[in-house]
Amino acid sequence: MELACPQCAQVDQVQSVPAAFQSGQTTYRVQGSMTAVPAGDGVVHTATAHRGVSVTGTAAALNPYPVVRGGGCFLTLALFMLIPAFVFVSFATDVLAENPAPTAGARAGQLIGAWIFPFGAFALVALFAVLFVLRLRRNARIRRGIPAALACWRQAWFCHRCGGVFFPRGELMSAATFRGEVWRAGGYAGA
């Protein structure tokens, strides 16, 4: 099937969006030189190696879905903050038990002063837990929307001459506008 670009009316630089996306990614491996590192009574020879993927700007602009990011950092922070939170609770209960205030007003001030740090620490635990849950929900929404987004994405064509994307019998649009349409089709436009 030959599709002409709606703007330039040419077919020679038109390519399906999946093909344009794939051709814009290159896997590479770089092997470094050997180095001698002293180790004990001998020498160890090591070489550096690096592997990666080079992505063109066009391929990045045609990416059909947002990056799924892990939420483990939020969970780790929430769990880590539990330690100082419980230490602050221990200090607060010890301070209140050892130094009873003589009046009701002083007792209220003492309670507020003693419990402000534990409250702040538990507030941070709650914040990180909420951020973790929100990240999980965002990632689940992205995963659920991938099939619909890919179905829309696979129908589009890219004109290398004009630098735009179009659907058959549609108008040329920028890659950013196209990505917005694909993300809306996947239900994760705000992700």
Protein backbone atom coordinates (compact mmCIF):
# COMPACT_ATOMS: atom_id res chain seq x y z
CA MET A 1 0.00 0.00 0.00
CA GLU A 2 1.44 3.36 -1.03
CA LEU A 3 0.38 6.38 0.93
CA ALA A 4 1.24 9.88 -0.18
CA CYS A 5 1.98 12.55 2.36
CA PRO A 6 -1.00 14.94 2.61
CA GLN A 7 1.35 17.96 2.63
CA CYS A 8 3.98 17.24 -0.04
CA ALA A 9 1.97 14.58 -1.98
CA GLN A 10 5.09 12.40 -2.31
CA VAL A 11 5.49 8.73 -1.39
CA ASP A 12 9.27 8.23 -1.51
CA GLN A 13 9.94 9.50 2.05
CA VAL A 14 6.83 8.04 3.70
CA GLN A 15 7.35 5.24 6.21
CA SER A 16 5.05 3.55 8.72
CA VAL A 17 5.44 4.96 12.22
CA PRO A 18 6.57 1.60 13.70
CA ALA A 19 9.27 1.31 11.01
CA ALA A 20 10.41 4.92 11.54
CA PHE A 21 10.50 4.33 15.29
CA GLN A 22 12.50 1.11 14.92
CA SER A 23 14.96 2.58 12.42
CA GLY A 24 15.70 5.42 14.84
CA GLN A 25 17.11 3.06 17.47
CA THR A 26 20.60 1.59 17.29
CA THR A 27 22.11 -0.83 19.77
CA TYR A 28 25.83 -0.38 20.31
CA ARG A 29 28.64 -1.96 22.27
CA VAL A 30 31.94 -0.24 22.99
CA GLN A 31 34.98 -2.25 24.07
CA GLY A 32 37.72 -0.28 25.81
CA SER A 33 41.42 -0.98 26.00
CA MET A 34 43.06 -3.40 28.39
CA THR A 35 44.45 -1.99 31.64
CA ALA A 36 46.83 -3.63 34.07
CA VAL A 37 45.77 -3.35 37.70
CA PRO A 38 48.15 -4.53 40.46
CA ALA A 39 46.51 -7.20 42.62
CA GLY A 40 48.47 -8.91 45.39
CA ASP A 41 51.62 -10.47 43.94
CA GLY A 42 50.44 -10.23 40.34
CA VAL A 43 48.66 -8.07 37.82
CA VAL A 44 45.06 -8.37 36.66
CA HIS A 45 44.18 -7.21 33.15
CA THR A 46 40.76 -5.61 32.81
CA ALA A 47 38.85 -4.23 29.88
CA THR A 48 36.01 -1.74 29.93
CA ALA A 49 32.84 -2.44 28.01
CA HIS A 50 29.65 -0.47 27.59
CA ARG A 51 26.37 -1.39 25.92
CA GLY A 52 23.55 0.95 25.13
CA VAL A 53 20.87 2.12 22.75
CA SER A 54 21.15 5.29 20.74
CA VAL A 55 17.76 6.88 19.98
CA THR A 56 17.23 9.62 17.40
CA GLY A 57 15.03 12.59 18.16
CA THR A 58 12.47 11.35 15.65
CA ALA A 59 12.25 7.94 17.30
CA ALA A 60 11.94 9.54 20.73
CA ALA A 61 9.13 11.77 19.46
CA LEU A 62 7.29 8.75 18.02
CA ASN A 63 7.46 6.72 21.25
CA PRO A 64 3.96 5.21 21.70
CA TYR A 65 3.82 5.32 25.49
CA PRO A 66 5.39 7.06 28.47
CA VAL A 67 8.17 5.46 30.47
CA VAL A 68 6.99 3.21 33.29
CA ARG A 69 8.93 4.31 36.34
CA GLY A 70 9.46 2.22 39.44
CA GLY A 71 8.09 3.28 42.78
CA GLY A 72 10.53 1.35 44.93
CA CYS A 73 12.34 4.51 45.99
CA PHE A 74 9.15 5.83 47.64
CA LEU A 75 8.54 2.53 49.42
CA THR A 76 12.16 2.46 50.61
CA LEU A 77 11.92 6.01 51.92
CA ALA A 78 8.65 5.24 53.72
CA LEU A 79 10.13 2.18 55.39
CA PHE A 80 13.37 4.00 56.21
CA MET A 81 11.46 6.91 57.80
CA LEU A 82 9.70 4.49 60.15
CA ILE A 83 12.95 4.10 62.11
CA PRO A 84 13.32 7.77 63.13
CA ALA A 85 9.55 8.01 63.60
CA PHE A 86 9.59 5.30 66.25
CA VAL A 87 12.76 6.72 67.82
CA PHE A 88 11.01 10.11 68.10
CA VAL A 89 7.97 8.41 69.69
CA SER A 90 10.28 6.77 72.23
CA PHE A 91 11.94 10.10 73.05
CA ALA A 92 8.57 11.86 73.32
CA THR A 93 7.12 9.30 75.73
CA ASP A 94 10.30 9.35 77.83
CA VAL A 95 10.32 13.16 78.03
CA LEU A 96 6.65 13.31 78.98
CA ALA A 97 7.03 10.59 81.62
CA GLU A 98 10.11 12.09 83.28
CA ASN A 99 9.08 15.77 83.24
CA PRO A 100 5.41 16.24 84.16
CA ALA A 101 4.25 19.80 83.64
CA PRO A 102 2.76 21.57 86.70
CA THR A 103 -0.16 23.27 84.90
CA ALA A 104 -2.61 22.30 82.19
CA GLY A 105 -1.31 24.99 79.82
CA ALA A 106 2.26 23.88 80.31
CA ARG A 107 1.18 20.27 79.81
CA ALA A 108 -0.43 21.17 76.45
CA GLY A 109 2.74 22.95 75.33
CA GLN A 110 4.84 20.03 76.50
CA LEU A 111 2.64 17.58 74.52
CA ILE A 112 2.88 19.67 71.36
CA GLY A 113 6.64 20.09 71.70
CA ALA A 114 7.27 16.42 72.43
CA TRP A 115 5.06 15.05 69.63
CA ILE A 116 5.95 17.48 66.81
CA PHE A 117 8.91 15.41 65.55
CA PRO A 118 7.11 12.05 65.67
CA PHE A 119 4.13 13.61 63.89
CA GLY A 120 6.41 15.07 61.20
CA ALA A 121 8.20 11.75 60.72
CA PHE A 122 4.93 9.82 60.41
CA ALA A 123 3.65 12.49 58.00
CA LEU A 124 6.68 11.83 55.80
CA VAL A 125 6.03 8.07 56.00
CA ALA A 126 2.44 8.69 54.89
CA LEU A 127 3.56 11.02 52.09
CA PHE A 128 6.04 8.49 50.69
CA ALA A 129 3.45 5.69 50.99
CA VAL A 130 0.91 7.78 49.04
CA LEU A 131 3.50 8.60 46.37
CA PHE A 132 4.31 4.89 46.08
CA VAL A 133 0.63 3.99 45.61
CA LEU A 134 0.15 6.80 43.07
CA ARG A 135 3.17 5.58 41.09
CA LEU A 136 1.78 2.03 41.09
CA ARG A 137 -1.61 3.29 39.87
CA ARG A 138 0.02 5.38 37.10
CA ASN A 139 2.06 2.42 35.91
CA ALA A 140 -1.01 0.16 35.94
CA ARG A 141 -2.96 2.73 33.89
CA ILE A 142 -0.11 2.87 31.36
CA ARG A 143 0.07 -0.93 31.10
CA ARG A 144 -3.70 -1.21 30.61
CA GLY A 145 -3.64 1.41 27.85
CA ILE A 146 -0.71 0.04 25.83
CA PRO A 147 -2.80 -2.23 23.52
CA ALA A 148 -5.18 0.60 22.52
CA ALA A 149 -2.29 3.05 22.11
CA LEU A 150 -0.35 0.62 19.93
CA ALA A 151 -3.40 -0.04 17.77
CA CYS A 152 -3.67 3.69 17.04
CA TRP A 153 0.12 4.08 16.68
CA ARG A 154 0.44 1.27 14.11
CA GLN A 155 -2.06 2.93 11.75
CA ALA A 156 -0.01 6.11 11.32
CA TRP A 157 2.60 7.10 8.72
CA PHE A 158 5.62 9.37 9.00
CA CYS A 159 6.86 11.66 6.22
CA HIS A 160 10.61 12.18 6.52
CA ARG A 161 10.48 15.05 4.03
CA CYS A 162 7.91 17.07 6.00
CA GLY A 163 8.75 15.71 9.46
CA GLY A 164 5.12 15.02 10.30
CA VAL A 165 2.77 12.15 10.97
CA PHE A 166 -0.56 11.37 9.35
CA PHE A 167 -3.25 8.76 9.33
CA PRO A 168 -4.53 7.46 5.96
CA ARG A 169 -6.85 10.09 4.49
CA GLY A 170 -5.92 12.45 7.31
CA GLU A 171 -3.95 15.64 7.69
CA LEU A 172 -0.27 16.01 8.56
CA MET A 173 0.41 16.71 12.24
CA SER A 174 3.52 17.25 14.31
CA ALA A 175 5.05 14.33 16.18
CA ALA A 176 4.04 15.91 19.49
CA THR A 177 0.40 16.22 18.40
CA PHE A 178 0.49 12.63 17.17
CA ARG A 179 1.94 11.41 20.47
CA GLY A 180 -0.88 13.23 22.29
CA GLU A 181 -3.45 11.40 20.16
CA VAL A 182 -1.78 8.04 20.79
CA TRP A 183 -1.61 8.70 24.52
CA ARG A 184 -5.28 9.74 24.56
CA ALA A 185 -6.16 6.51 22.76
CA GLY A 186 -4.27 4.62 25.47
CA GLY A 187 -6.01 6.55 28.24
CA TYR A 188 -2.80 7.92 29.74
CA ALA A 189 -2.69 11.41 28.22
CA GLY A 190 -2.07 12.97 31.64
CA ALA A 191 0.56 10.44 32.70
